[in-house]
Amino acid sequence: MIRKTWAGRKLKGFRSISPVDEESVIDVLIKLSHLAMEHETIEEIEVNPLRVLSKGAVAVDVRVKLRA
C-alpha cells in the first residue's frame, strides 16, 4: 500500500531525492497501530510530517485526539 502513494514511490529515490529507509516507515505504522489498539481512548493520530532518513525516521509533529 505504501508504494501506491506519491510519497511511498519516492522512498526508493526520485530525481535528486536519495533513497531512504522504507522499513522505518513500516515500523512507525506498525507501532502507531499497536498504540491505537492498546489505548481505546485514542480516536485519531496524525503525524505530519514524518521525516524519513537514510536510516530511521523522525516524527516532526504529532497530534493525538482522544475520545471525550
C-alpha atoms as a PDB file:
ATOM      1  CA  MET A   1       0.000   0.000   0.000  1.00  0.00           C
ATOM      2  CA  ILE A   2       2.846   2.390   0.801  1.00  0.00           C
ATOM      3  CA  ARG A   3       4.262   2.167  -2.722  1.00  0.00           C
ATOM      4  CA  LYS A   4       0.885   3.105  -4.221  1.00  0.00           C
ATOM      5  CA  THR A   5       1.070   6.620  -2.741  1.00  0.00           C
ATOM      6  CA  TRP A   6       3.035   9.535  -4.211  1.00  0.00           C
ATOM      7  CA  ALA A   7       5.281   9.747  -1.147  1.00  0.00           C
ATOM      8  CA  GLY A   8       5.732   5.978  -0.978  1.00  0.00           C
ATOM      9  CA  ARG A   9       7.025   5.807  -4.533  1.00  0.00           C
ATOM     10  CA  LYS A  10       9.680   8.385  -3.651  1.00  0.00           C
ATOM     11  CA  LEU A  11      11.139   6.234  -0.829  1.00  0.00           C
ATOM     12  CA  LYS A  12      13.350   4.370  -3.320  1.00  0.00           C
ATOM     13  CA  GLY A  13      14.699   7.670  -4.629  1.00  0.00           C
ATOM     14  CA  PHE A  14      13.480  10.092  -7.262  1.00  0.00           C
ATOM     15  CA  ARG A  15      15.429  12.633  -9.333  1.00  0.00           C
ATOM     16  CA  SER A  16      17.539  14.496  -6.742  1.00  0.00           C
ATOM     17  CA  ILE A  17      15.926  12.680  -3.785  1.00  0.00           C
ATOM     18  CA  SER A  18      18.137   9.939  -2.332  1.00  0.00           C
ATOM     19  CA  PRO A  19      16.626   6.599  -1.282  1.00  0.00           C
ATOM     20  CA  VAL A  20      15.527   6.418   2.346  1.00  0.00           C
ATOM     21  CA  ASP A  21      14.752   3.785   4.987  1.00  0.00           C
ATOM     22  CA  GLU A  22      11.396   2.339   3.865  1.00  0.00           C
ATOM     23  CA  GLU A  23      11.499  -0.233   6.684  1.00  0.00           C
ATOM     24  CA  SER A  24      11.417   2.593   9.246  1.00  0.00           C
ATOM     25  CA  VAL A  25       8.130   3.823   7.736  1.00  0.00           C
ATOM     26  CA  ILE A  26       6.665   0.341   8.085  1.00  0.00           C
ATOM     27  CA  ASP A  27       7.942   0.171  11.679  1.00  0.00           C
ATOM     28  CA  VAL A  28       6.316   3.522  12.530  1.00  0.00           C
ATOM     29  CA  LEU A  29       2.978   2.436  11.047  1.00  0.00           C
ATOM     30  CA  ILE A  30       3.022  -0.840  12.975  1.00  0.00           C
ATOM     31  CA  LYS A  31       3.900   0.902  16.248  1.00  0.00           C
ATOM     32  CA  LEU A  32       1.185   3.516  15.739  1.00  0.00           C
ATOM     33  CA  SER A  33      -1.398   0.801  15.072  1.00  0.00           C
ATOM     34  CA  HIS A  34      -0.331  -1.046  18.240  1.00  0.00           C
ATOM     35  CA  LEU A  35      -0.589   2.197  20.224  1.00  0.00           C
ATOM     36  CA  ALA A  36      -4.116   2.793  18.917  1.00  0.00           C
ATOM     37  CA  MET A  37      -5.185  -0.785  19.646  1.00  0.00           C
ATOM     38  CA  GLU A  38      -3.792  -0.696  23.205  1.00  0.00           C
ATOM     39  CA  HIS A  39      -5.468   2.627  24.074  1.00  0.00           C
ATOM     40  CA  GLU A  40      -9.143   2.582  23.170  1.00  0.00           C
ATOM     41  CA  THR A  41      -9.499   6.272  24.040  1.00  0.00           C
ATOM     42  CA  ILE A  42      -7.397   7.252  21.000  1.00  0.00           C
ATOM     43  CA  GLU A  43      -9.690   8.453  18.239  1.00  0.00           C
ATOM     44  CA  GLU A  44      -7.097   9.868  15.816  1.00  0.00           C
ATOM     45  CA  ILE A  45      -3.336  10.021  15.406  1.00  0.00           C
ATOM     46  CA  GLU A  46      -1.797  12.475  12.959  1.00  0.00           C
ATOM     47  CA  VAL A  47       1.920  12.555  12.171  1.00  0.00           C
ATOM     48  CA  ASN A  48       2.798  15.451   9.893  1.00  0.00           C
ATOM     49  CA  PRO A  49       5.454  15.378   8.719  1.00  0.00           C
ATOM     50  CA  LEU A  50       7.259  12.104   9.165  1.00  0.00           C
ATOM     51  CA  ARG A  51      10.827  12.770   8.026  1.00  0.00           C
ATOM     52  CA  VAL A  52      12.300   9.561   6.642  1.00  0.00           C
ATOM     53  CA  LEU A  53      16.081   9.464   6.673  1.00  0.00           C
ATOM     54  CA  SER A  54      18.661   7.202   5.089  1.00  0.00           C
ATOM     55  CA  LYS A  55      18.481   5.318   8.384  1.00  0.00           C
ATOM     56  CA  GLY A  56      15.431   5.801  10.583  1.00  0.00           C
ATOM     57  CA  ALA A  57      12.556   8.271  10.692  1.00  0.00           C
ATOM     58  CA  VAL A  58      11.558  11.221  12.875  1.00  0.00           C
ATOM     59  CA  ALA A  59       8.022  12.385  13.628  1.00  0.00           C
ATOM     60  CA  VAL A  60       8.350  16.178  13.494  1.00  0.00           C
ATOM     61  CA  ASP A  61       4.829  16.903  14.735  1.00  0.00           C
ATOM     62  CA  VAL A  62       2.251  14.535  16.232  1.00  0.00           C
ATOM     63  CA  ARG A  63      -1.352  15.160  17.233  1.00  0.00           C
ATOM     64  CA  VAL A  64      -3.410  12.635  19.173  1.00  0.00           C
ATOM     65  CA  LYS A  65      -7.167  13.126  19.574  1.00  0.00           C
ATOM     66  CA  LEU A  66      -8.819  11.314  22.475  1.00  0.00           C
ATOM     67  CA  ARG A  67     -12.482  10.356  22.761  1.00  0.00           C
ATOM     68  CA  ALA A  68     -14.423  12.560  25.136  1.00  0.00           C
END
